[in-house]
Amino acid sequence: MKKLFQRIDRIRASGYAILKLDPSSPHYYLNGRRFPVHSIGKAELKCRVTLLVDGRQMDFTINDIL
């Protein structure tokens, strides 16, 4: 849990997140790219992170973020 909270704090502090997606993900073409964070949900195991991808808001889980 401590690593999860550290990751969320790092994302909140920087305002950016790098995607780490599985090859089976429909958004795999975005893998490894850095995007600005629009919002972060409640800090929990499946925390929702909303990123601005090409001007559109897209939701990912904290597990999809480096």
Protein backbone atom coordinates (compact mmCIF):
# COMPACT_ATOMS: atom_id res chain seq x y z
CA MET A 1 0.00 0.00 0.00
CA LYS A 2 2.87 2.35 0.78
CA LYS A 3 4.18 2.12 -2.81
CA LEU A 4 0.69 2.89 -4.10
CA PHE A 5 0.43 6.05 -1.98
CA GLN A 6 3.94 7.11 -3.03
CA ARG A 7 2.99 6.70 -6.70
CA ILE A 8 -0.18 8.77 -6.24
CA ASP A 9 1.75 11.49 -4.37
CA ARG A 10 4.39 11.59 -7.14
CA ILE A 11 1.71 11.95 -9.82
CA ARG A 12 -0.07 14.69 -7.88
CA ALA A 13 3.19 16.58 -7.34
CA SER A 14 4.36 16.43 -10.96
CA GLY A 15 0.98 16.77 -12.68
CA TYR A 16 2.04 14.22 -15.31
CA ALA A 17 1.84 10.45 -15.66
CA ILE A 18 3.47 7.87 -17.94
CA LEU A 19 1.28 5.02 -19.16
CA LYS A 20 2.33 1.40 -18.62
CA LEU A 21 -0.27 -0.67 -20.47
CA ASP A 22 -0.61 -4.36 -21.29
CA PRO A 23 -0.19 -5.31 -24.96
CA SER A 24 -3.81 -6.51 -24.95
CA SER A 25 -5.09 -3.05 -23.98
CA PRO A 26 -7.03 -1.14 -26.67
CA HIS A 27 -4.92 1.94 -25.84
CA TYR A 28 -1.56 0.16 -26.06
CA TYR A 29 -0.42 2.57 -28.79
CA LEU A 30 -0.18 5.20 -25.99
CA ASN A 31 2.15 3.01 -23.93
CA GLY A 32 5.24 4.80 -22.57
CA ARG A 33 3.95 8.28 -23.39
CA ARG A 34 3.68 11.08 -20.81
CA PHE A 35 0.35 12.90 -20.36
CA PRO A 36 -0.94 15.68 -18.08
CA VAL A 37 -3.21 14.56 -15.26
CA HIS A 38 -6.73 16.02 -15.20
CA SER A 39 -7.86 14.41 -11.93
CA ILE A 40 -7.13 11.61 -9.50
CA GLY A 41 -9.79 9.71 -7.59
CA LYS A 42 -9.70 8.55 -3.99
CA ALA A 43 -6.38 6.90 -3.12
CA GLU A 44 -7.19 3.18 -3.09
CA LEU A 45 -6.16 -0.05 -4.80
CA LYS A 46 -8.02 0.66 -8.10
CA CYS A 47 -7.62 4.44 -8.01
CA ARG A 48 -8.99 6.17 -11.11
CA VAL A 49 -6.63 8.59 -12.88
CA THR A 50 -8.01 10.83 -15.63
CA LEU A 51 -5.41 11.92 -18.19
CA LEU A 52 -5.66 14.47 -20.98
CA VAL A 53 -4.81 12.55 -24.15
CA ASP A 54 -4.79 14.76 -27.25
CA GLY A 55 -7.23 17.15 -25.54
CA ARG A 56 -9.64 14.38 -24.51
CA GLN A 57 -10.14 13.02 -21.00
CA MET A 58 -9.39 9.30 -20.67
CA ASP A 59 -9.72 7.23 -17.49
CA PHE A 60 -7.11 4.71 -16.40
CA THR A 61 -6.41 2.88 -13.15
CA ILE A 62 -3.36 3.54 -11.02
CA ASN A 63 -2.05 0.14 -12.15
CA ASP A 64 -1.82 1.49 -15.73
CA ILE A 65 0.51 4.30 -14.63
CA LEU A 66 4.28 4.13 -14.02
